[in-house]
Protein backbone atom coordinates (compact mmCIF):
# COMPACT_ATOMS: atom_id res chain seq x y z
CA ILE A 1 103.15 42.95 209.79
CA GLU A 2 100.85 41.16 211.75
CA ILE A 3 102.95 37.54 210.22
CA MET A 4 106.32 39.01 211.35
CA ALA A 5 105.30 40.08 214.75
CA SER A 6 103.54 36.21 215.25
CA LYS A 7 106.89 34.91 214.54
CA GLY A 8 108.71 37.05 216.84
CA VAL A 9 111.10 39.00 214.39
CA ILE A 10 109.72 42.25 215.51
CA ASN A 11 107.66 43.07 218.95
CA LYS A 12 104.09 43.76 219.70
CA VAL A 13 104.82 47.59 220.48
CA ALA A 14 106.95 47.57 217.01
CA ALA A 15 104.20 46.08 215.05
CA ALA A 16 101.92 48.75 216.52
CA ASN A 17 104.41 51.39 215.77
CA LEU A 18 104.56 50.47 211.81
CA LYS A 19 100.61 49.42 211.57
CA TYR A 20 100.66 53.53 212.72
CA VAL A 21 103.04 54.45 210.08
CA ALA A 22 101.63 52.24 207.06
CA SER A 23 97.76 53.95 207.79
CA PHE A 24 99.02 57.53 207.78
CA ALA A 25 100.68 56.91 204.69
CA THR A 26 97.17 55.67 203.21
CA MET A 27 95.75 58.00 204.97
CA LEU A 28 97.29 61.22 203.72
CA ARG A 29 97.16 59.70 199.95
CA LEU A 30 92.98 58.75 200.28
CA ILE A 31 92.66 62.39 201.29
CA THR A 32 94.97 64.01 198.82
CA TYR A 33 93.21 61.69 196.42
CA SER A 34 89.82 62.89 197.81
CA HIS A 35 91.13 66.65 197.55
CA ASN A 36 92.02 66.56 194.21
CA LYS A 37 88.96 64.61 193.34
CA ALA A 38 91.62 62.31 191.05
CA GLN A 39 94.52 60.02 191.88
CA ALA A 40 97.00 62.94 191.74
CA GLU A 41 99.56 63.37 194.85
CA ASN A 42 99.85 67.30 194.97
CA MET A 43 100.41 67.74 198.22
CA SER A 44 101.93 70.00 201.15
CA VAL A 45 103.92 69.03 204.35
CA PHE A 46 103.87 73.13 204.84
CA ALA A 47 101.36 75.79 205.82
CA LEU A 48 99.51 77.62 203.53
CA PRO A 49 101.59 81.04 203.16
CA ALA A 50 100.15 84.23 204.22
CA ALA A 51 98.33 86.07 201.01
CA THR A 52 95.06 87.24 200.04
CA GLU A 53 92.04 85.51 200.74
CA ALA A 54 90.99 85.20 196.84
CA GLU A 55 94.78 83.72 196.55
CA LEU A 56 94.56 81.36 199.28
CA GLN A 57 91.17 79.79 198.49
CA GLU A 58 93.43 79.52 195.18
CA GLN A 59 95.77 77.69 196.58
CA THR A 60 93.63 75.38 198.34
CA LYS A 61 91.94 74.35 195.64
CA GLN A 62 95.10 73.36 193.60
CA ILE A 63 97.05 71.61 196.71
CA PHE A 64 96.36 69.45 199.83
CA HIS A 65 98.07 70.93 202.54
CA LEU A 66 97.87 69.37 205.99
CA SER A 67 96.90 70.63 208.82
CA GLU A 68 98.75 72.80 211.37
CA LYS A 69 98.52 69.87 214.74
CA ASP A 70 100.15 67.61 212.40
CA LEU A 71 103.30 69.55 211.98
CA THR A 72 103.17 69.76 215.57
CA GLN A 73 105.52 67.28 217.59
CA THR A 74 102.36 65.40 218.91
CA GLY A 75 101.07 65.16 215.75
CA GLY A 76 100.60 62.95 213.02
CA LEU A 77 103.33 63.66 210.52
CA PHE A 78 106.17 63.91 213.62
CA LYS A 79 104.57 60.48 214.89
CA TYR A 80 105.26 58.95 211.69
CA TYR A 81 108.87 60.02 210.72
CA TYR A 82 109.33 59.09 215.36
CA THR A 83 109.04 55.17 213.71
CA THR A 84 109.94 55.83 210.16
CA LEU A 85 113.62 56.85 210.64
CA PRO A 86 114.44 54.46 213.81
CA PHE A 87 113.52 51.88 211.62
CA HIS A 88 115.33 52.91 208.35
CA SER A 89 118.50 53.39 210.43
CA LYS A 90 117.87 49.63 211.40
CA ILE A 91 117.68 48.24 208.48
CA GLU A 92 120.44 50.22 207.10
CA GLU A 93 122.60 48.75 210.09
CA PHE A 94 120.95 45.07 208.80
CA CYS A 95 121.63 45.56 205.21
CA LYS A 96 125.23 46.73 205.92
CA LYS A 97 126.16 44.01 207.86
CA HIS A 98 124.66 41.68 204.68
CA ASN A 99 126.57 43.53 202.08
CA GLU A 100 129.48 43.58 204.43
CA GLN A 101 129.43 39.37 204.68
CA GLN A 102 129.11 39.16 208.28
CA ASP A 103 128.66 36.11 209.80
CA LEU A 104 124.88 35.98 210.94
CA THR A 105 123.38 33.20 212.07
CA THR A 106 119.87 32.06 211.08
CA GLU A 107 118.70 33.13 214.49
CA GLU A 108 120.90 36.15 214.68
CA LYS A 109 119.02 37.25 211.55
CA ALA A 110 115.83 36.34 212.85
CA SER A 111 116.11 38.02 216.43
CA PHE A 112 117.72 40.85 214.47
CA PHE A 113 114.81 43.54 214.58
CA SER A 114 113.10 42.24 217.92
CA GLU A 115 113.89 44.17 220.66
CA ASP A 116 113.45 47.71 218.72
CA ASP A 117 110.53 49.27 219.17
CA PHE A 118 111.20 51.63 216.80
CA TYR A 119 110.13 55.02 218.19
CA GLN A 120 112.26 57.72 219.00
CA ASP A 121 110.89 61.14 219.97
CA THR A 122 114.73 62.53 220.53
CA HIS A 123 116.01 65.89 220.42
CA GLU A 124 117.78 64.65 217.35
CA ASN A 125 115.10 63.17 215.40
CA LYS A 126 112.91 66.24 216.42
CA GLY A 127 115.56 68.29 214.90
CA ARG A 128 115.95 66.70 211.65
CA ILE A 129 112.09 66.64 211.20
CA HIS A 130 111.78 70.27 211.57
CA TYR A 131 114.90 70.59 208.97
CA ARG A 132 112.75 68.67 206.68
CA LEU A 133 110.28 71.09 207.08
CA MET A 134 112.91 73.97 206.44
CA GLN A 135 111.62 75.30 209.99
CA TYR A 136 115.54 76.05 210.70
CA HIS A 137 115.10 77.85 213.77
CA GLN A 138 113.26 74.95 215.73
CA ALA A 139 115.76 72.33 214.17
CA GLU A 140 118.16 74.34 215.44
CA GLU A 141 116.99 74.57 218.69
CA GLU A 142 116.66 70.59 218.89
CA LEU A 143 119.56 69.48 217.32
CA GLU A 144 121.65 71.80 219.78
CA GLU A 145 119.53 69.90 222.74
CA ALA A 146 120.72 66.73 221.33
CA THR A 147 124.37 67.41 221.07
CA LYS A 148 124.61 68.36 224.81
CA HIS A 149 122.35 65.30 226.29
CA GLU A 150 122.19 62.37 223.37
CA GLU A 151 124.63 60.48 220.76
CA VAL A 152 124.33 62.15 217.83
CA SER A 153 124.74 60.78 214.42
CA GLU A 154 127.33 62.61 211.83
CA GLU A 155 124.81 62.88 209.74
CA SER A 156 122.94 65.31 212.07
CA PHE A 157 125.54 67.23 213.03
CA LYS A 158 125.94 67.88 209.15
CA ILE A 159 122.32 68.93 208.71
CA LEU A 160 123.35 71.02 211.96
CA GLY A 161 125.82 72.54 210.03
CA ILE A 162 123.19 73.37 206.95
CA THR A 163 120.59 74.59 209.15
CA TYR A 164 123.40 77.34 210.27
CA LEU A 165 124.11 78.03 206.84
CA ALA A 166 120.40 78.60 206.08
CA LEU A 167 120.36 80.85 209.44
CA GLN A 168 123.62 82.74 207.92
CA LYS A 169 125.72 81.84 210.98
CA GLY A 170 128.79 80.87 209.55
CA GLU A 171 130.99 80.39 212.17
CA LYS A 172 128.70 77.82 213.98
CA ALA A 173 128.57 75.84 210.33
CA ILE A 174 132.22 75.51 210.12
CA LYS A 175 132.63 74.23 213.86
CA HIS A 176 129.98 71.50 213.36
CA TYR A 177 131.02 70.44 209.88
CA GLN A 178 134.32 69.99 211.35
CA ALA A 179 132.95 67.80 214.07
CA ALA A 180 130.98 65.83 211.84
CA LEU A 181 134.03 65.53 209.59
CA ALA A 182 136.66 64.49 212.52
CA LYS A 183 133.79 61.75 214.24
CA ALA A 184 133.50 60.10 210.78
CA GLU A 185 136.97 59.67 209.65
CA GLN A 186 137.05 58.11 213.61
CA LEU A 187 135.32 55.39 213.04
CA THR A 188 137.80 53.13 211.78
CA GLU A 189 134.91 50.66 210.28
CA ASN A 190 132.97 54.17 208.57
CA THR A 191 133.46 52.96 205.35
CA ASN A 192 131.00 55.90 203.99
CA THR A 193 133.43 57.93 202.08
CA GLU A 194 130.29 59.72 200.13
CA LEU A 195 129.62 61.19 203.88
CA ILE A 196 132.68 62.26 204.52
CA ALA A 197 133.47 64.15 200.92
CA ASN A 198 130.09 65.60 201.48
CA LEU A 199 131.44 66.85 204.66
CA LYS A 200 134.31 68.21 203.45
CA HIS A 201 132.50 69.58 200.55
CA GLN A 202 129.84 71.21 203.05
CA LEU A 203 132.84 72.47 204.95
CA GLY A 204 134.40 74.21 202.30
CA LEU A 205 131.19 76.15 201.51
CA ALA A 206 130.64 77.36 204.85
CA TYR A 207 134.05 78.63 204.56
CA HIS A 208 132.78 80.40 201.23
CA TYR A 209 129.88 81.70 202.12
CA ASN A 210 131.23 83.22 205.82
């Protein structure tokens, strides 16, 4: 990270954000090893479920759980994803251009990442994180807010549809799968046939379960 920053490949803010990601991931691994008293990576991002005290004590012995603070929108795990989601997206964009043999000059390659801070705490990203944590009500709220005020990717429309299905809201699922599919098919440069096929499959499931 330091070398990339010193060469101007990434800016200083991006470097700080990527350092946080690396340190958070390392911290999780070390705490998990310490909890398990071995190099075992049994951990959970979910809060401990309600149960008897004896069951909770037994679960605590077996699996390391993140704290409730880490699972809030200002907590450690969310901050981790606020960086990794845009970072992954930018890497994917760069690889796509390379695979499609687009003519990027040496200068363009060197500066491709330099303007991005790799930190986006948008409604869309918050919704996608809540979805990963199976917090479907919060995911629904954030993704719906994103569709009103942000440019939302077709992938997020797909996730919102899955969220609606999880909440047994079939009509809304159908509506958003249709929107995601229309957006994907309108992009003339879109070669992601896997995504389009997946959206059609999910739309069919939505009709089936509605």
